[in-house]
Amino acid sequence: MTYSTVDDVVERIVVDPSQFESFKAEYGEIIESKIRAADALIDARLAPYQTTPLDPTPPAIRYVSADYAAALFAADRGEYEKAKQLIDRAEQTLQAYIKAAHLRGAFTTT
């Protein structure tokens, strides 16, 4: 189980929705590997606070996973500014998730 889907990531990369299916056909396996890498990063960040992987996936984590995966894909293609924007957004969302979950008492220190 991954936190995000290929569709989630493609929506962040491809501007024209009519090109989604052909893009997924060409790059789907690569995107799946980027999702696995993104999820490993998320799990490493959350591991000090709670057991990972998260199941079910919180909506915020799905969003973070897709942003990280899209950033990894963009960086591999030399689109560094796009990658940075996606990483910055993912980091802000992940930090907000950690803070909100911690305040709700969802995290325990291990």
PDB file of N, CA and C in Angstrom:
ATOM      1  N   MET A   1       0.834  -1.180   0.000  1.00  0.00           N
ATOM      2  CA  MET A   1       0.000   0.000   0.000  1.00  0.00           C
ATOM      3  C   MET A   1       0.882   1.248   0.000  1.00  0.00           C
ATOM      4  N   THR A   2       0.566   2.181  -0.857  1.00  0.00           N
ATOM      5  CA  THR A   2       1.277   3.453  -0.876  1.00  0.00           C
ATOM      6  C   THR A   2       0.335   4.545  -0.382  1.00  0.00           C
ATOM      7  N   TYR A   3       0.940   5.650   0.027  1.00  0.00           N
ATOM      8  CA  TYR A   3       0.138   6.758   0.542  1.00  0.00           C
ATOM      9  C   TYR A   3      -0.594   7.526  -0.558  1.00  0.00           C
ATOM     10  N   SER A   4       0.013   7.621  -1.738  1.00  0.00           N
ATOM     11  CA  SER A   4      -0.631   8.319  -2.850  1.00  0.00           C
ATOM     12  C   SER A   4      -0.682   7.388  -4.054  1.00  0.00           C
ATOM     13  N   THR A   5      -1.318   7.844  -5.101  1.00  0.00           N
ATOM     14  CA  THR A   5      -1.473   7.050  -6.315  1.00  0.00           C
ATOM     15  C   THR A   5      -0.740   7.713  -7.475  1.00  0.00           C
ATOM     16  N   VAL A   6      -0.564   6.947  -8.530  1.00  0.00           N
ATOM     17  CA  VAL A   6       0.033   7.507  -9.748  1.00  0.00           C
ATOM     18  C   VAL A   6      -0.812   8.679 -10.238  1.00  0.00           C
ATOM     19  N   ASP A   7      -2.133   8.543 -10.178  1.00  0.00           N
ATOM     20  CA  ASP A   7      -3.017   9.639 -10.604  1.00  0.00           C
ATOM     21  C   ASP A   7      -2.771  10.909  -9.789  1.00  0.00           C
ATOM     22  N   ASP A   8      -2.589  10.749  -8.475  1.00  0.00           N
ATOM     23  CA  ASP A   8      -2.320  11.914  -7.620  1.00  0.00           C
ATOM     24  C   ASP A   8      -1.066  12.651  -8.080  1.00  0.00           C
ATOM     25  N   VAL A   9      -0.044  11.893  -8.440  1.00  0.00           N
ATOM     26  CA  VAL A   9       1.231  12.482  -8.838  1.00  0.00           C
ATOM     27  C   VAL A   9       1.125  13.104 -10.234  1.00  0.00           C
ATOM     28  N   VAL A  10       0.494  12.394 -11.156  1.00  0.00           N
ATOM     29  CA  VAL A  10       0.358  12.904 -12.526  1.00  0.00           C
ATOM     30  C   VAL A  10      -0.380  14.236 -12.537  1.00  0.00           C
ATOM     31  N   GLU A  11      -1.374  14.396 -11.670  1.00  0.00           N
ATOM     32  CA  GLU A  11      -2.108  15.664 -11.592  1.00  0.00           C
ATOM     33  C   GLU A  11      -1.195  16.837 -11.255  1.00  0.00           C
ATOM     34  N   ARG A  12      -0.085  16.563 -10.581  1.00  0.00           N
ATOM     35  CA  ARG A  12       0.850  17.621 -10.196  1.00  0.00           C
ATOM     36  C   ARG A  12       1.892  17.896 -11.281  1.00  0.00           C
ATOM     37  N   ILE A  13       2.036  16.971 -12.210  1.00  0.00           N
ATOM     38  CA  ILE A  13       3.082  17.081 -13.230  1.00  0.00           C
ATOM     39  C   ILE A  13       2.534  17.546 -14.569  1.00  0.00           C
ATOM     40  N   VAL A  14       1.417  16.988 -14.971  1.00  0.00           N
ATOM     41  CA  VAL A  14       0.859  17.223 -16.310  1.00  0.00           C
ATOM     42  C   VAL A  14      -0.209  18.303 -16.227  1.00  0.00           C
ATOM     43  N   VAL A  15      -0.061  19.319 -17.057  1.00  0.00           N
ATOM     44  CA  VAL A  15      -0.987  20.451 -17.041  1.00  0.00           C
ATOM     45  C   VAL A  15      -2.282  20.117 -17.778  1.00  0.00           C
ATOM     46  N   ASP A  16      -2.180  19.431 -18.905  1.00  0.00           N
ATOM     47  CA  ASP A  16      -3.336  19.140 -19.762  1.00  0.00           C
ATOM     48  C   ASP A  16      -3.939  17.782 -19.392  1.00  0.00           C
ATOM     49  N   PRO A  17      -5.148  17.778 -18.819  1.00  0.00           N
ATOM     50  CA  PRO A  17      -5.761  16.504 -18.413  1.00  0.00           C
ATOM     51  C   PRO A  17      -5.920  15.497 -19.552  1.00  0.00           C
ATOM     52  N   SER A  18      -6.017  15.967 -20.780  1.00  0.00           N
ATOM     53  CA  SER A  18      -6.162  15.034 -21.904  1.00  0.00           C
ATOM     54  C   SER A  18      -4.890  14.211 -22.124  1.00  0.00           C
ATOM     55  N   GLN A  19      -3.785  14.607 -21.492  1.00  0.00           N
ATOM     56  CA  GLN A  19      -2.519  13.884 -21.634  1.00  0.00           C
ATOM     57  C   GLN A  19      -2.225  12.957 -20.459  1.00  0.00           C
ATOM     58  N   PHE A  20      -3.113  12.916 -19.466  1.00  0.00           N
ATOM     59  CA  PHE A  20      -2.878  12.105 -18.269  1.00  0.00           C
ATOM     60  C   PHE A  20      -2.627  10.634 -18.606  1.00  0.00           C
ATOM     61  N   GLU A  21      -3.505  10.034 -19.401  1.00  0.00           N
ATOM     62  CA  GLU A  21      -3.416   8.598 -19.663  1.00  0.00           C
ATOM     63  C   GLU A  21      -2.149   8.226 -20.427  1.00  0.00           C
ATOM     64  N   SER A  22      -1.797   9.007 -21.427  1.00  0.00           N
ATOM     65  CA  SER A  22      -0.572   8.691 -22.177  1.00  0.00           C
ATOM     66  C   SER A  22       0.663   8.899 -21.306  1.00  0.00           C
ATOM     67  N   PHE A  23       0.627   9.889 -20.445  1.00  0.00           N
ATOM     68  CA  PHE A  23       1.745  10.140 -19.530  1.00  0.00           C
ATOM     69  C   PHE A  23       1.889   8.988 -18.544  1.00  0.00           C
ATOM     70  N   LYS A  24       0.751   8.524 -18.005  1.00  0.00           N
ATOM     71  CA  LYS A  24       0.791   7.395 -17.072  1.00  0.00           C
ATOM     72  C   LYS A  24       1.313   6.142 -17.755  1.00  0.00           C
ATOM     73  N   ALA A  25       0.922   5.928 -19.007  1.00  0.00           N
ATOM     74  CA  ALA A  25       1.387   4.750 -19.739  1.00  0.00           C
ATOM     75  C   ALA A  25       2.896   4.786 -19.924  1.00  0.00           C
ATOM     76  N   GLU A  26       3.435   5.970 -20.181  1.00  0.00           N
ATOM     77  CA  GLU A  26       4.876   6.106 -20.419  1.00  0.00           C
ATOM     78  C   GLU A  26       5.688   6.124 -19.126  1.00  0.00           C
ATOM     79  N   TYR A  27       5.190   6.786 -18.097  1.00  0.00           N
ATOM     80  CA  TYR A  27       5.995   7.022 -16.890  1.00  0.00           C
ATOM     81  C   TYR A  27       5.427   6.379 -15.615  1.00  0.00           C
ATOM     82  N   GLY A  28       4.383   5.592 -15.722  1.00  0.00           N
ATOM     83  CA  GLY A  28       3.727   5.027 -14.556  1.00  0.00           C
ATOM     84  C   GLY A  28       4.654   4.264 -13.620  1.00  0.00           C
ATOM     85  N   GLU A  29       5.518   3.417 -14.157  1.00  0.00           N
ATOM     86  CA  GLU A  29       6.426   2.638 -13.310  1.00  0.00           C
ATOM     87  C   GLU A  29       7.435   3.537 -12.600  1.00  0.00           C
ATOM     88  N   ILE A  30       7.925   4.532 -13.293  1.00  0.00           N
ATOM     89  CA  ILE A  30       8.863   5.473 -12.677  1.00  0.00           C
ATOM     90  C   ILE A  30       8.167   6.229 -11.547  1.00  0.00           C
ATOM     91  N   ILE A  31       6.952   6.660 -11.797  1.00  0.00           N
ATOM     92  CA  ILE A  31       6.202   7.391 -10.779  1.00  0.00           C
ATOM     93  C   ILE A  31       5.938   6.498  -9.571  1.00  0.00           C
ATOM     94  N   GLU A  32       5.626   5.236  -9.791  1.00  0.00           N
ATOM     95  CA  GLU A  32       5.426   4.309  -8.666  1.00  0.00           C
ATOM     96  C   GLU A  32       6.679   4.226  -7.798  1.00  0.00           C
ATOM     97  N   SER A  33       7.847   4.216  -8.432  1.00  0.00           N
ATOM     98  CA  SER A  33       9.093   4.175  -7.645  1.00  0.00           C
ATOM     99  C   SER A  33       9.301   5.476  -6.883  1.00  0.00           C
ATOM    100  N   LYS A  34       8.899   6.591  -7.455  1.00  0.00           N
ATOM    101  CA  LYS A  34       9.004   7.884  -6.762  1.00  0.00           C
ATOM    102  C   LYS A  34       8.046   7.936  -5.575  1.00  0.00           C
ATOM    103  N   ILE A  35       6.873   7.328  -5.722  1.00  0.00           N
ATOM    104  CA  ILE A  35       5.926   7.274  -4.610  1.00  0.00           C
ATOM    105  C   ILE A  35       6.512   6.453  -3.469  1.00  0.00           C
ATOM    106  N   ARG A  36       7.116   5.315  -3.792  1.00  0.00           N
ATOM    107  CA  ARG A  36       7.727   4.491  -2.738  1.00  0.00           C
ATOM    108  C   ARG A  36       8.828   5.263  -2.009  1.00  0.00           C
ATOM    109  N   ALA A  37       9.624   6.021  -2.764  1.00  0.00           N
ATOM    110  CA  ALA A  37      10.679   6.828  -2.141  1.00  0.00           C
ATOM    111  C   ALA A  37      10.076   7.922  -1.268  1.00  0.00           C
ATOM    112  N   ALA A  38       9.039   8.575  -1.761  1.00  0.00           N
ATOM    113  CA  ALA A  38       8.366   9.626  -0.988  1.00  0.00           C
ATOM    114  C   ALA A  38       7.781   9.061   0.299  1.00  0.00           C
ATOM    115  N   ASP A  39       7.169   7.908   0.205  1.00  0.00           N
ATOM    116  CA  ASP A  39       6.559   7.288   1.382  1.00  0.00           C
ATOM    117  C   ASP A  39       7.615   6.888   2.410  1.00  0.00           C
ATOM    118  N   ALA A  40       8.756   6.422   1.940  1.00  0.00           N
ATOM    119  CA  ALA A  40       9.846   6.079   2.860  1.00  0.00           C
ATOM    120  C   ALA A  40      10.322   7.323   3.604  1.00  0.00           C
ATOM    121  N   LEU A  41      10.396   8.441   2.901  1.00  0.00           N
ATOM    122  CA  LEU A  41      10.789   9.699   3.532  1.00  0.00           C
ATOM    123  C   LEU A  41       9.761  10.110   4.589  1.00  0.00           C
ATOM    124  N   ILE A  42       8.487  10.007   4.254  1.00  0.00           N
ATOM    125  CA  ILE A  42       7.425  10.356   5.207  1.00  0.00           C
ATOM    126  C   ILE A  42       7.495   9.453   6.429  1.00  0.00           C
ATOM    127  N   ASP A  43       7.649   8.161   6.201  1.00  0.00           N
ATOM    128  CA  ASP A  43       7.726   7.225   7.324  1.00  0.00           C
ATOM    129  C   ASP A  43       8.919   7.544   8.227  1.00  0.00           C
ATOM    130  N   ALA A  44      10.040   7.885   7.627  1.00  0.00           N
ATOM    131  CA  ALA A  44      11.226   8.238   8.424  1.00  0.00           C
ATOM    132  C   ALA A  44      10.970   9.481   9.263  1.00  0.00           C
ATOM    133  N   ARG A  45      10.254  10.443   8.697  1.00  0.00           N
ATOM    134  CA  ARG A  45       9.953  11.676   9.435  1.00  0.00           C
ATOM    135  C   ARG A  45       8.964  11.439  10.567  1.00  0.00           C
ATOM    136  N   LEU A  46       8.024  10.512  10.368  1.00  0.00           N
ATOM    137  CA  LEU A  46       6.987  10.257  11.368  1.00  0.00           C
ATOM    138  C   LEU A  46       7.380   9.193  12.391  1.00  0.00           C
ATOM    139  N   ALA A  47       8.362   8.381  12.075  1.00  0.00           N
ATOM    140  CA  ALA A  47       8.740   7.255  12.940  1.00  0.00           C
ATOM    141  C   ALA A  47       9.044   7.649  14.389  1.00  0.00           C
ATOM    142  N   PRO A  48       9.656   8.808  14.653  1.00  0.00           N
ATOM    143  CA  PRO A  48       9.892   9.155  16.056  1.00  0.00           C
ATOM    144  C   PRO A  48       8.599   9.382  16.851  1.00  0.00           C
ATOM    145  N   TYR A  49       7.489   9.557  16.164  1.00  0.00           N
ATOM    146  CA  TYR A  49       6.244   9.917  16.817  1.00  0.00           C
ATOM    147  C   TYR A  49       5.210   8.804  16.860  1.00  0.00           C
ATOM    148  N   GLN A  50       5.204   7.961  15.828  1.00  0.00           N
ATOM    149  CA  GLN A  50       4.182   6.932  15.768  1.00  0.00           C
ATOM    150  C   GLN A  50       4.619   5.791  14.859  1.00  0.00           C
ATOM    151  N   THR A  51       3.893   4.698  14.951  1.00  0.00           N
ATOM    152  CA  THR A  51       4.185   3.532  14.141  1.00  0.00           C
ATOM    153  C   THR A  51       3.816   3.823  12.689  1.00  0.00           C
ATOM    154  N   THR A  52       4.707   3.457  11.797  1.00  0.00           N
ATOM    155  CA  THR A  52       4.461   3.617  10.369  1.00  0.00           C
ATOM    156  C   THR A  52       4.615   2.252   9.717  1.00  0.00           C
ATOM    157  N   PRO A  53       4.043   2.014   8.561  1.00  0.00           N
ATOM    158  CA  PRO A  53       3.260   2.946   7.748  1.00  0.00           C
ATOM    159  C   PRO A  53       1.881   3.217   8.343  1.00  0.00           C
ATOM    160  N   LEU A  54       1.335   4.338   7.960  1.00  0.00           N
ATOM    161  CA  LEU A  54       0.023   4.752   8.446  1.00  0.00           C
ATOM    162  C   LEU A  54      -1.066   4.020   7.658  1.00  0.00           C
ATOM    163  N   ASP A  55      -2.011   3.457   8.372  1.00  0.00           N
ATOM    164  CA  ASP A  55      -3.112   2.774   7.716  1.00  0.00           C
ATOM    165  C   ASP A  55      -4.353   2.949   8.568  1.00  0.00           C
ATOM    166  N   PRO A  56      -5.344   3.640   8.101  1.00  0.00           N
ATOM    167  CA  PRO A  56      -5.483   4.214   6.769  1.00  0.00           C
ATOM    168  C   PRO A  56      -4.633   5.474   6.591  1.00  0.00           C
ATOM    169  N   THR A  57      -4.485   5.870   5.348  1.00  0.00           N
ATOM    170  CA  THR A  57      -3.686   7.054   5.041  1.00  0.00           C
ATOM    171  C   THR A  57      -4.499   8.320   5.309  1.00  0.00           C
ATOM    172  N   PRO A  58      -4.000   9.181   6.188  1.00  0.00           N
ATOM    173  CA  PRO A  58      -4.681  10.469   6.389  1.00  0.00           C
ATOM    174  C   PRO A  58      -4.615  11.301   5.095  1.00  0.00           C
ATOM    175  N   PRO A  59      -5.651  12.061   4.797  1.00  0.00           N
ATOM    176  CA  PRO A  59      -5.650  12.867   3.576  1.00  0.00           C
ATOM    177  C   PRO A  59      -4.411  13.762   3.438  1.00  0.00           C
ATOM    178  N   ALA A  60      -3.962  14.360   4.520  1.00  0.00           N
ATOM    179  CA  ALA A  60      -2.783  15.243   4.435  1.00  0.00           C
ATOM    180  C   ALA A  60      -1.549  14.463   4.010  1.00  0.00           C
ATOM    181  N   ILE A  61      -1.419  13.232   4.461  1.00  0.00           N
ATOM    182  CA  ILE A  61      -0.255  12.420   4.114  1.00  0.00           C
ATOM    183  C   ILE A  61      -0.324  11.992   2.648  1.00  0.00           C
ATOM    184  N   ARG A  62      -1.515  11.752   2.159  1.00  0.00           N
ATOM    185  CA  ARG A  62      -1.671  11.442   0.723  1.00  0.00           C
ATOM    186  C   ARG A  62      -1.176  12.629  -0.104  1.00  0.00           C
ATOM    187  N   TYR A  63      -1.543  13.812   0.303  1.00  0.00           N
ATOM    188  CA  TYR A  63      -1.148  15.043  -0.373  1.00  0.00           C
ATOM    189  C   TYR A  63       0.378  15.208  -0.327  1.00  0.00           C
ATOM    190  N   VAL A  64       0.970  14.978   0.824  1.00  0.00           N
ATOM    191  CA  VAL A  64       2.422  15.108   0.993  1.00  0.00           C
ATOM    192  C   VAL A  64       3.148  14.087   0.126  1.00  0.00           C
ATOM    193  N   SER A  65       2.679  12.861   0.129  1.00  0.00           N
ATOM    194  CA  SER A  65       3.301  11.810  -0.672  1.00  0.00           C
ATOM    195  C   SER A  65       3.298  12.167  -2.157  1.00  0.00           C
ATOM    196  N   ALA A  66       2.171  12.639  -2.647  1.00  0.00           N
ATOM    197  CA  ALA A  66       2.079  13.011  -4.059  1.00  0.00           C
ATOM    198  C   ALA A  66       3.004  14.178  -4.396  1.00  0.00           C
ATOM    199  N   ASP A  67       3.081  15.163  -3.504  1.00  0.00           N
ATOM    200  CA  ASP A  67       3.976  16.303  -3.747  1.00  0.00           C
ATOM    201  C   ASP A  67       5.440  15.872  -3.760  1.00  0.00           C
ATOM    202  N   TYR A  68       5.841  15.058  -2.782  1.00  0.00           N
ATOM    203  CA  TYR A  68       7.230  14.578  -2.751  1.00  0.00           C
ATOM    204  C   TYR A  68       7.549  13.756  -3.996  1.00  0.00           C
ATOM    205  N   ALA A  69       6.652  12.852  -4.363  1.00  0.00           N
ATOM    206  CA  ALA A  69       6.894  12.005  -5.531  1.00  0.00           C
ATOM    207  C   ALA A  69       6.999  12.844  -6.806  1.00  0.00           C
ATOM    208  N   ALA A  70       6.118  13.811  -6.962  1.00  0.00           N
ATOM    209  CA  ALA A  70       6.176  14.693  -8.132  1.00  0.00           C
ATOM    210  C   ALA A  70       7.465  15.506  -8.133  1.00  0.00           C
ATOM    211  N   ALA A  71       7.909  15.925  -6.952  1.00  0.00           N
ATOM    212  CA  ALA A  71       9.165  16.676  -6.846  1.00  0.00           C
ATOM    213  C   ALA A  71      10.353  15.814  -7.256  1.00  0.00           C
ATOM    214  N   LEU A  72      10.375  14.573  -6.818  1.00  0.00           N
ATOM    215  CA  LEU A  72      11.460  13.663  -7.201  1.00  0.00           C
ATOM    216  C   LEU A  72      11.471  13.445  -8.715  1.00  0.00           C
ATOM    217  N   PHE A  73      10.292  13.285  -9.292  1.00  0.00           N
ATOM    218  CA  PHE A  73      10.176  13.117 -10.741  1.00  0.00           C
ATOM    219  C   PHE A  73      10.689  14.361 -11.459  1.00  0.00           C
ATOM    220  N   ALA A  74      10.259  15.540 -11.011  1.00  0.00           N
ATOM    221  CA  ALA A  74      10.676  16.798 -11.642  1.00  0.00           C
ATOM    222  C   ALA A  74      12.185  17.011 -11.506  1.00  0.00           C
ATOM    223  N   ALA A  75      12.732  16.725 -10.349  1.00  0.00           N
ATOM    224  CA  ALA A  75      14.174  16.913 -10.138  1.00  0.00           C
ATOM    225  C   ALA A  75      14.994  16.017 -11.054  1.00  0.00           C
ATOM    226  N   ASP A  76      14.538  14.794 -11.259  1.00  0.00           N
ATOM    227  CA  ASP A  76      15.248  13.882 -12.158  1.00  0.00           C
ATOM    228  C   ASP A  76      15.279  14.397 -13.588  1.00  0.00           C
ATOM    229  N   ARG A  77      14.354  15.269 -13.924  1.00  0.00           N
ATOM    230  CA  ARG A  77      14.282  15.824 -15.270  1.00  0.00           C
ATOM    231  C   ARG A  77      14.846  17.246 -15.342  1.00  0.00           C
ATOM    232  N   GLY A  78      15.496  17.674 -14.281  1.00  0.00           N
ATOM    233  CA  GLY A  78      16.140  18.985 -14.283  1.00  0.00           C
ATOM    234  C   GLY A  78      15.203  20.145 -14.031  1.00  0.00           C
ATOM    235  N   GLU A  79      13.985  19.867 -13.610  1.00  0.00           N
ATOM    236  CA  GLU A  79      13.006  20.923 -13.328  1.00  0.00           C
ATOM    237  C   GLU A  79      13.119  21.291 -11.853  1.00  0.00           C
ATOM    238  N   TYR A  80      14.224  21.919 -11.510  1.00  0.00           N
ATOM    239  CA  TYR A  80      14.556  22.155 -10.106  1.00  0.00           C
ATOM    240  C   TYR A  80      13.650  23.159  -9.407  1.00  0.00           C
ATOM    241  N   GLU A  81      13.203  24.170 -10.106  1.00  0.00           N
ATOM    242  CA  GLU A  81      12.320  25.158  -9.483  1.00  0.00           C
ATOM    243  C   GLU A  81      10.965  24.526  -9.153  1.00  0.00           C
ATOM    244  N   LYS A  82      10.429  23.740 -10.094  1.00  0.00           N
ATOM    245  CA  LYS A  82       9.170  23.045  -9.840  1.00  0.00           C
ATOM    246  C   LYS A  82       9.343  22.071  -8.679  1.00  0.00           C
ATOM    247  N   ALA A  83      10.455  21.355  -8.656  1.00  0.00           N
ATOM    248  CA  ALA A  83      10.729  20.403  -7.577  1.00  0.00           C
ATOM    249  C   ALA A  83      10.787  21.126  -6.234  1.00  0.00           C
ATOM    250  N   LYS A  84      11.453  22.262  -6.199  1.00  0.00           N
ATOM    251  CA  LYS A  84      11.569  23.022  -4.946  1.00  0.00           C
ATOM    252  C   LYS A  84      10.202  23.482  -4.456  1.00  0.00           C
ATOM    253  N   GLN A  85       9.373  23.967  -5.354  1.00  0.00           N
ATOM    254  CA  GLN A  85       8.028  24.414  -4.968  1.00  0.00           C
ATOM    255  C   GLN A  85       7.222  23.258  -4.368  1.00  0.00           C
ATOM    256  N   LEU A  86       7.303  22.093  -4.995  1.00  0.00           N
ATOM    257  CA  LEU A  86       6.576  20.928  -4.502  1.00  0.00           C
ATOM    258  C   LEU A  86       7.110  20.464  -3.147  1.00  0.00           C
ATOM    259  N   ILE A  87       8.422  20.463  -3.002  1.00  0.00           N
ATOM    260  CA  ILE A  87       9.026  20.060  -1.724  1.00  0.00           C
ATOM    261  C   ILE A  87       8.642  21.040  -0.620  1.00  0.00           C
ATOM    262  N   ASP A  88       8.710  22.324  -0.916  1.00  0.00           N
ATOM    263  CA  ASP A  88       8.333  23.330   0.088  1.00  0.00           C
ATOM    264  C   ASP A  88       6.889  23.127   0.541  1.00  0.00           C
ATOM    265  N   ARG A  89       5.998  22.889  -0.407  1.00  0.00           N
ATOM    266  CA  ARG A  89       4.587  22.682  -0.066  1.00  0.00           C
ATOM    267  C   ARG A  89       4.415  21.398   0.754  1.00  0.00           C
ATOM    268  N   ALA A  90       5.114  20.340   0.351  1.00  0.00           N
ATOM    269  CA  ALA A  90       5.035  19.072   1.082  1.00  0.00           C
ATOM    270  C   ALA A  90       5.550  19.237   2.504  1.00  0.00           C
ATOM    271  N   GLU A  91       6.661  19.938   2.657  1.00  0.00           N
ATOM    272  CA  GLU A  91       7.239  20.160   3.990  1.00  0.00           C
ATOM    273  C   GLU A  91       6.287  20.946   4.888  1.00  0.00           C
ATOM    274  N   GLN A  92       5.678  21.980   4.349  1.00  0.00           N
ATOM    275  CA  GLN A  92       4.731  22.779   5.138  1.00  0.00           C
ATOM    276  C   GLN A  92       3.542  21.930   5.575  1.00  0.00           C
ATOM    277  N   THR A  93       3.039  21.131   4.660  1.00  0.00           N
ATOM    278  CA  THR A  93       1.893  20.290   4.980  1.00  0.00           C
ATOM    279  C   THR A  93       2.263  19.222   6.001  1.00  0.00           C
ATOM    280  N   LEU A  94       3.428  18.603   5.842  1.00  0.00           N
ATOM    281  CA  LEU A  94       3.858  17.572   6.783  1.00  0.00           C
ATOM    282  C   LEU A  94       4.070  18.162   8.177  1.00  0.00           C
ATOM    283  N   GLN A  95       4.673  19.329   8.243  1.00  0.00           N
ATOM    284  CA  GLN A  95       4.873  19.979   9.537  1.00  0.00           C
ATOM    285  C   GLN A  95       3.538  20.322  10.193  1.00  0.00           C
ATOM    286  N   ALA A  96       2.595  20.797   9.406  1.00  0.00           N
ATOM    287  CA  ALA A  96       1.268  21.105   9.949  1.00  0.00           C
ATOM    288  C   ALA A  96       0.581  19.826  10.441  1.00  0.00           C
ATOM    289  N   TYR A  97       0.743  18.728   9.708  1.00  0.00           N
ATOM    290  CA  TYR A  97       0.166  17.456  10.125  1.00  0.00           C
ATOM    291  C   TYR A  97       0.769  17.005  11.453  1.00  0.00           C
ATOM    292  N   ILE A  98       2.082  17.060  11.544  1.00  0.00           N
ATOM    293  CA  ILE A  98       2.755  16.640  12.781  1.00  0.00           C
ATOM    294  C   ILE A  98       2.291  17.504  13.951  1.00  0.00           C
ATOM    295  N   LYS A  99       2.232  18.798  13.744  1.00  0.00           N
ATOM    296  CA  LYS A  99       1.820  19.702  14.820  1.00  0.00           C
ATOM    297  C   LYS A  99       0.378  19.437  15.235  1.00  0.00           C
ATOM    298  N   ALA A 100      -0.518  19.303  14.265  1.00  0.00           N
ATOM    299  CA  ALA A 100      -1.928  19.074  14.577  1.00  0.00           C
ATOM    300  C   ALA A 100      -2.122  17.730  15.265  1.00  0.00           C
ATOM    301  N   ALA A 101      -1.470  16.697  14.784  1.00  0.00           N
ATOM    302  CA  ALA A 101      -1.608  15.371  15.384  1.00  0.00           C
ATOM    303  C   ALA A 101      -1.010  15.345  16.784  1.00  0.00           C
ATOM    304  N   HIS A 102       0.086  16.034  16.955  1.00  0.00           N
ATOM    305  CA  HIS A 102       0.723  16.101  18.278  1.00  0.00           C
ATOM    306  C   HIS A 102      -0.181  16.818  19.278  1.00  0.00           C
ATOM    307  N   LEU A 103      -0.798  17.887  18.841  1.00  0.00           N
ATOM    308  CA  LEU A 103      -1.688  18.639  19.736  1.00  0.00           C
ATOM    309  C   LEU A 103      -2.933  17.828  20.093  1.00  0.00           C
ATOM    310  N   ARG A 104      -3.350  16.938  19.195  1.00  0.00           N
ATOM    311  CA  ARG A 104      -4.502  16.064  19.472  1.00  0.00           C
ATOM    312  C   ARG A 104      -4.098  14.889  20.361  1.00  0.00           C
ATOM    313  N   GLY A 105      -2.783  14.753  20.606  1.00  0.00           N
ATOM    314  CA  GLY A 105      -2.307  13.649  21.418  1.00  0.00           C
ATOM    315  C   GLY A 105      -2.146  12.359  20.639  1.00  0.00           C
ATOM    316  N   ALA A 106      -2.145  12.455  19.313  1.00  0.00           N
ATOM    317  CA  ALA A 106      -2.044  11.257  18.473  1.00  0.00           C
ATOM    318  C   ALA A 106      -0.634  10.685  18.489  1.00  0.00           C
ATOM    319  N   PHE A 107       0.356  11.499  18.765  1.00  0.00           N
ATOM    320  CA  PHE A 107       1.748  11.036  18.762  1.00  0.00           C
ATOM    321  C   PHE A 107       2.208  10.767  20.180  1.00  0.00           C
ATOM    322  N   THR A 108       2.976   9.742  20.321  1.00  0.00           N
ATOM    323  CA  THR A 108       3.651   9.471  21.587  1.00  0.00           C
ATOM    324  C   THR A 108       5.129   9.364  21.321  1.00  0.00           C
ATOM    325  N   THR A 109       5.918   9.860  22.200  1.00  0.00           N
ATOM    326  CA  THR A 109       7.363   9.782  22.044  1.00  0.00           C
ATOM    327  C   THR A 109       7.806   8.356  22.291  1.00  0.00           C
ATOM    328  N   THR A 110       8.655   7.858  21.379  1.00  0.00           N
ATOM    329  CA  THR A 110       9.149   6.483  21.526  1.00  0.00           C
ATOM    330  C   THR A 110      10.507   6.477  22.155  1.00  0.00           C
TER     331      THR A 110
END
